[in-house]
């Protein structure tokens, strides 16, 4: 190996090291971007779950209010409304349709 070959070999090694550095830097940037994407997806999923949870809690609170009203209200009107709902439910069961809301 003469001097020119040694210089060419060193230049080639230098070019490979620089190329590897550039590639690793780009790969690191891609991984950071992917990590940020995944963090945002997790936040979005958490927010969606919290929203569903809030909606479910609101729905359950409304049901509890209705049940409290039923338990404490002894008026004949309420009893008639409950019977109407039972009749509708029985009618819907015989026809196979969903109860009307």
N, C-alpha and C. Protein backbone atom coordinates (compact mmCIF):
# COMPACT_ATOMS: atom_id res chain seq x y z
N UNK A 1 0.85 -1.16 0.00
CA UNK A 1 0.00 0.00 0.00
C UNK A 1 0.90 1.23 0.00
N UNK A 2 0.75 2.04 -1.02
CA UNK A 2 1.56 3.25 -1.11
C UNK A 2 0.82 4.40 -0.44
N UNK A 3 1.47 5.55 -0.48
CA UNK A 3 0.95 6.73 0.21
C UNK A 3 -0.40 7.17 -0.37
N UNK A 4 -0.59 7.13 -1.67
CA UNK A 4 -1.85 7.54 -2.31
C UNK A 4 -2.99 6.61 -1.90
N UNK A 5 -2.68 5.31 -1.81
CA UNK A 5 -3.72 4.37 -1.37
C UNK A 5 -4.11 4.63 0.09
N UNK A 6 -3.16 4.95 0.92
CA UNK A 6 -3.44 5.23 2.33
C UNK A 6 -4.31 6.48 2.46
N UNK A 7 -4.02 7.51 1.67
CA UNK A 7 -4.82 8.74 1.69
C UNK A 7 -6.24 8.43 1.21
N UNK A 8 -6.37 7.64 0.14
CA UNK A 8 -7.69 7.28 -0.38
C UNK A 8 -8.47 6.47 0.66
N UNK A 9 -7.78 5.55 1.33
CA UNK A 9 -8.44 4.75 2.35
C UNK A 9 -8.91 5.64 3.50
N UNK A 10 -8.08 6.57 3.94
CA UNK A 10 -8.46 7.49 5.02
C UNK A 10 -9.64 8.36 4.59
N UNK A 11 -9.64 8.83 3.35
CA UNK A 11 -10.74 9.65 2.86
C UNK A 11 -12.03 8.84 2.82
N UNK A 12 -11.92 7.58 2.39
CA UNK A 12 -13.09 6.71 2.35
C UNK A 12 -13.63 6.46 3.77
N UNK A 13 -12.75 6.19 4.70
CA UNK A 13 -13.16 5.97 6.09
C UNK A 13 -13.82 7.24 6.66
N UNK A 14 -13.23 8.38 6.38
CA UNK A 14 -13.79 9.65 6.84
C UNK A 14 -15.18 9.85 6.25
N UNK A 15 -15.35 9.57 4.97
CA UNK A 15 -16.65 9.73 4.32
C UNK A 15 -17.68 8.77 4.93
N UNK A 16 -17.27 7.54 5.21
CA UNK A 16 -18.18 6.58 5.83
C UNK A 16 -18.59 7.01 7.24
N UNK A 17 -17.64 7.53 7.99
CA UNK A 17 -17.94 8.00 9.35
C UNK A 17 -18.90 9.18 9.31
N UNK A 18 -18.66 10.11 8.39
CA UNK A 18 -19.56 11.27 8.25
C UNK A 18 -20.95 10.81 7.82
N UNK A 19 -21.02 9.90 6.86
CA UNK A 19 -22.31 9.39 6.39
C UNK A 19 -23.05 8.68 7.53
N UNK A 20 -22.32 7.88 8.31
CA UNK A 20 -22.95 7.20 9.45
C UNK A 20 -23.46 8.20 10.47
N UNK A 21 -22.70 9.26 10.71
CA UNK A 21 -23.14 10.30 11.64
C UNK A 21 -24.40 11.00 11.16
N UNK A 22 -24.43 11.32 9.87
CA UNK A 22 -25.62 11.97 9.30
C UNK A 22 -26.82 11.03 9.40
N UNK A 23 -26.61 9.76 9.06
CA UNK A 23 -27.71 8.79 9.12
C UNK A 23 -28.21 8.62 10.55
N UNK A 24 -27.30 8.52 11.52
CA UNK A 24 -27.70 8.37 12.92
C UNK A 24 -28.45 9.60 13.42
N UNK A 25 -28.01 10.78 13.01
CA UNK A 25 -28.69 12.01 13.41
C UNK A 25 -30.12 12.03 12.85
N UNK A 26 -30.27 11.64 11.59
CA UNK A 26 -31.60 11.60 10.98
C UNK A 26 -32.47 10.56 11.68
N UNK A 27 -31.90 9.41 12.00
CA UNK A 27 -32.64 8.35 12.68
C UNK A 27 -33.08 8.80 14.07
N UNK A 28 -32.20 9.50 14.76
CA UNK A 28 -32.54 10.02 16.09
C UNK A 28 -33.69 11.02 16.00
N UNK A 29 -33.65 11.89 15.01
CA UNK A 29 -34.74 12.84 14.80
C UNK A 29 -36.05 12.14 14.51
N UNK A 30 -35.98 11.09 13.71
CA UNK A 30 -37.20 10.32 13.40
C UNK A 30 -37.75 9.65 14.65
N UNK A 31 -36.89 9.11 15.49
CA UNK A 31 -37.34 8.46 16.72
C UNK A 31 -37.95 9.48 17.69
N UNK A 32 -37.37 10.67 17.77
CA UNK A 32 -37.94 11.72 18.63
C UNK A 32 -39.32 12.12 18.12
N UNK A 33 -39.44 12.25 16.80
CA UNK A 33 -40.73 12.60 16.20
C UNK A 33 -41.76 11.51 16.49
N UNK A 34 -41.36 10.26 16.34
CA UNK A 34 -42.28 9.14 16.60
C UNK A 34 -42.70 9.12 18.08
N UNK A 35 -41.75 9.42 18.97
CA UNK A 35 -42.07 9.46 20.39
C UNK A 35 -43.10 10.56 20.68
N UNK A 36 -42.92 11.74 20.08
CA UNK A 36 -43.89 12.82 20.26
C UNK A 36 -45.25 12.42 19.70
N UNK A 37 -45.26 11.74 18.56
CA UNK A 37 -46.52 11.27 17.98
C UNK A 37 -47.24 10.32 18.94
N UNK A 38 -46.50 9.38 19.49
CA UNK A 38 -47.10 8.41 20.41
C UNK A 38 -47.60 9.09 21.68
N UNK A 39 -46.85 10.08 22.19
CA UNK A 39 -47.29 10.81 23.37
C UNK A 39 -48.60 11.55 23.09
N UNK A 40 -48.71 12.15 21.91
CA UNK A 40 -49.95 12.84 21.55
C UNK A 40 -51.10 11.86 21.40
N UNK A 41 -50.84 10.69 20.83
CA UNK A 41 -51.89 9.68 20.71
C UNK A 41 -52.37 9.23 22.09
N UNK A 42 -51.43 9.08 23.03
CA UNK A 42 -51.80 8.69 24.39
C UNK A 42 -52.65 9.77 25.03
N UNK A 43 -52.23 11.03 24.88
CA UNK A 43 -53.02 12.14 25.44
C UNK A 43 -54.42 12.16 24.84
N UNK A 44 -54.51 11.96 23.54
CA UNK A 44 -55.81 11.95 22.87
C UNK A 44 -56.68 10.81 23.39
N UNK A 45 -56.08 9.64 23.56
CA UNK A 45 -56.83 8.50 24.08
C UNK A 45 -57.28 8.75 25.52
N UNK A 46 -56.41 9.36 26.33
CA UNK A 46 -56.79 9.68 27.71
C UNK A 46 -57.92 10.68 27.74
N UNK A 47 -57.84 11.70 26.89
CA UNK A 47 -58.91 12.71 26.85
C UNK A 47 -60.22 12.10 26.39
N UNK A 48 -60.14 11.23 25.41
CA UNK A 48 -61.34 10.56 24.91
C UNK A 48 -61.95 9.67 26.00
N UNK A 49 -61.10 8.95 26.72
CA UNK A 49 -61.60 8.09 27.80
C UNK A 49 -62.21 8.93 28.91
N UNK A 50 -61.58 10.06 29.23
CA UNK A 50 -62.12 10.93 30.27
C UNK A 50 -63.46 11.51 29.84
N UNK A 51 -63.57 11.85 28.56
CA UNK A 51 -64.83 12.40 28.06
C UNK A 51 -65.92 11.33 28.12
N UNK A 52 -65.60 10.11 27.73
CA UNK A 52 -66.58 9.03 27.83
C UNK A 52 -66.96 8.79 29.28
N UNK A 53 -65.96 8.85 30.15
CA UNK A 53 -66.21 8.65 31.57
C UNK A 53 -67.12 9.74 32.12
N UNK A 54 -66.87 10.99 31.72
CA UNK A 54 -67.72 12.10 32.16
C UNK A 54 -69.14 11.93 31.64
N UNK A 55 -69.28 11.53 30.40
CA UNK A 55 -70.61 11.33 29.82
C UNK A 55 -71.33 10.20 30.56
N UNK A 56 -70.60 9.15 30.87
CA UNK A 56 -71.20 8.02 31.60
C UNK A 56 -71.60 8.46 33.00
N UNK A 57 -70.76 9.26 33.65
CA UNK A 57 -71.10 9.75 34.99
C UNK A 57 -72.34 10.63 34.94
N UNK A 58 -72.42 11.50 33.93
CA UNK A 58 -73.61 12.35 33.79
C UNK A 58 -74.86 11.52 33.57
N UNK A 59 -74.75 10.49 32.75
CA UNK A 59 -75.90 9.63 32.49
C UNK A 59 -76.33 8.91 33.76
N UNK A 60 -75.36 8.41 34.52
CA UNK A 60 -75.69 7.72 35.76
C UNK A 60 -76.29 8.68 36.80
N UNK A 61 -75.77 9.91 36.86
CA UNK A 61 -76.34 10.89 37.78
C UNK A 61 -77.79 11.17 37.44
N UNK A 62 -78.09 11.29 36.16
CA UNK A 62 -79.47 11.53 35.74
C UNK A 62 -80.36 10.35 36.13
N UNK A 63 -79.86 9.15 35.96
CA UNK A 63 -80.65 7.98 36.35
C UNK A 63 -80.89 7.96 37.86
N UNK A 64 -79.86 8.32 38.63
CA UNK A 64 -80.03 8.36 40.09
C UNK A 64 -81.07 9.41 40.47
N UNK A 65 -81.03 10.57 39.80
CA UNK A 65 -82.04 11.61 40.08
C UNK A 65 -83.44 11.08 39.81
N UNK A 66 -83.60 10.39 38.70
CA UNK A 66 -84.92 9.84 38.37
C UNK A 66 -85.33 8.81 39.42
N UNK A 67 -84.41 7.94 39.80
CA UNK A 67 -84.74 6.93 40.80
C UNK A 67 -85.06 7.56 42.15
N UNK A 68 -84.33 8.61 42.52
CA UNK A 68 -84.64 9.31 43.76
C UNK A 68 -86.03 9.92 43.70
N UNK A 69 -86.35 10.49 42.56
CA UNK A 69 -87.68 11.09 42.41
C UNK A 69 -88.75 10.02 42.51
N UNK A 70 -88.50 8.88 41.87
CA UNK A 70 -89.48 7.79 41.94
C UNK A 70 -89.63 7.30 43.38
N UNK A 71 -88.51 7.19 44.08
CA UNK A 71 -88.55 6.67 45.45
C UNK A 71 -89.23 7.63 46.41
N UNK A 72 -89.11 8.92 46.17
CA UNK A 72 -89.66 9.90 47.12
C UNK A 72 -91.00 10.45 46.71
N UNK A 73 -91.35 10.39 45.43
CA UNK A 73 -92.61 10.97 44.95
C UNK A 73 -93.69 9.90 44.98
N UNK A 74 -94.75 10.17 45.71
CA UNK A 74 -95.84 9.20 45.83
C UNK A 74 -97.10 9.66 45.09
N UNK A 75 -96.94 10.54 44.12
CA UNK A 75 -98.12 11.06 43.43
C UNK A 75 -98.69 10.01 42.48
N UNK A 76 -100.00 10.03 42.26
CA UNK A 76 -100.62 9.09 41.33
C UNK A 76 -100.17 9.32 39.89
N UNK A 77 -99.79 10.55 39.56
CA UNK A 77 -99.33 10.85 38.20
C UNK A 77 -98.06 10.07 37.88
N UNK A 78 -97.15 10.03 38.85
CA UNK A 78 -95.90 9.30 38.64
C UNK A 78 -96.18 7.81 38.47
N UNK A 79 -97.06 7.27 39.28
CA UNK A 79 -97.41 5.85 39.15
C UNK A 79 -98.00 5.57 37.78
N UNK A 80 -98.83 6.48 37.28
CA UNK A 80 -99.43 6.31 35.95
C UNK A 80 -98.36 6.35 34.86
N UNK A 81 -97.39 7.27 35.01
CA UNK A 81 -96.30 7.36 34.02
C UNK A 81 -95.48 6.07 34.01
N UNK A 82 -95.20 5.54 35.19
CA UNK A 82 -94.43 4.30 35.27
C UNK A 82 -95.19 3.16 34.60
N UNK A 83 -96.47 3.08 34.85
CA UNK A 83 -97.28 2.03 34.23
C UNK A 83 -97.31 2.18 32.71
N UNK A 84 -97.38 3.43 32.22
CA UNK A 84 -97.35 3.66 30.77
C UNK A 84 -96.03 3.16 30.18
N UNK A 85 -94.95 3.46 30.87
CA UNK A 85 -93.65 3.01 30.38
C UNK A 85 -93.56 1.49 30.38
N UNK A 86 -94.08 0.85 31.40
CA UNK A 86 -94.08 -0.62 31.45
C UNK A 86 -94.90 -1.18 30.29
N UNK A 87 -96.07 -0.58 30.05
CA UNK A 87 -96.92 -1.05 28.96
C UNK A 87 -96.21 -0.89 27.62
N UNK A 88 -95.54 0.26 27.42
CA UNK A 88 -94.79 0.48 26.17
C UNK A 88 -93.68 -0.55 26.03
N UNK A 89 -92.99 -0.81 27.13
CA UNK A 89 -91.89 -1.77 27.09
C UNK A 89 -92.41 -3.17 26.75
N UNK A 90 -93.51 -3.56 27.36
CA UNK A 90 -94.09 -4.87 27.06
C UNK A 90 -94.55 -4.94 25.60
N UNK A 91 -95.14 -3.85 25.10
CA UNK A 91 -95.58 -3.81 23.72
C UNK A 91 -94.39 -3.93 22.77
N UNK A 92 -93.31 -3.22 23.09
CA UNK A 92 -92.11 -3.28 22.25
C UNK A 92 -91.47 -4.66 22.28
N UNK A 93 -91.54 -5.35 23.42
CA UNK A 93 -90.98 -6.70 23.50
C UNK A 93 -91.76 -7.67 22.63
N UNK A 94 -93.07 -7.48 22.55
CA UNK A 94 -93.88 -8.40 21.74
C UNK A 94 -93.67 -8.15 20.25
N UNK A 95 -93.39 -6.90 19.87
CA UNK A 95 -93.17 -6.60 18.45
C UNK A 95 -91.71 -6.78 18.05
N UNK A 96 -90.82 -6.87 19.05
CA UNK A 96 -89.40 -7.05 18.75
C UNK A 96 -88.68 -5.77 18.40
N UNK A 97 -89.30 -4.64 18.66
CA UNK A 97 -88.68 -3.35 18.36
C UNK A 97 -88.06 -2.79 19.62
N UNK A 98 -87.13 -1.84 19.41
CA UNK A 98 -86.54 -1.13 20.54
C UNK A 98 -87.58 -0.22 21.15
N UNK A 99 -87.57 -0.03 22.48
CA UNK A 99 -88.51 0.90 23.10
C UNK A 99 -88.33 2.31 22.56
N UNK A 100 -89.43 3.00 22.35
CA UNK A 100 -89.38 4.38 21.86
C UNK A 100 -88.88 5.28 22.97
N UNK A 101 -88.01 6.20 22.63
CA UNK A 101 -87.45 7.10 23.63
C UNK A 101 -88.14 8.43 23.59
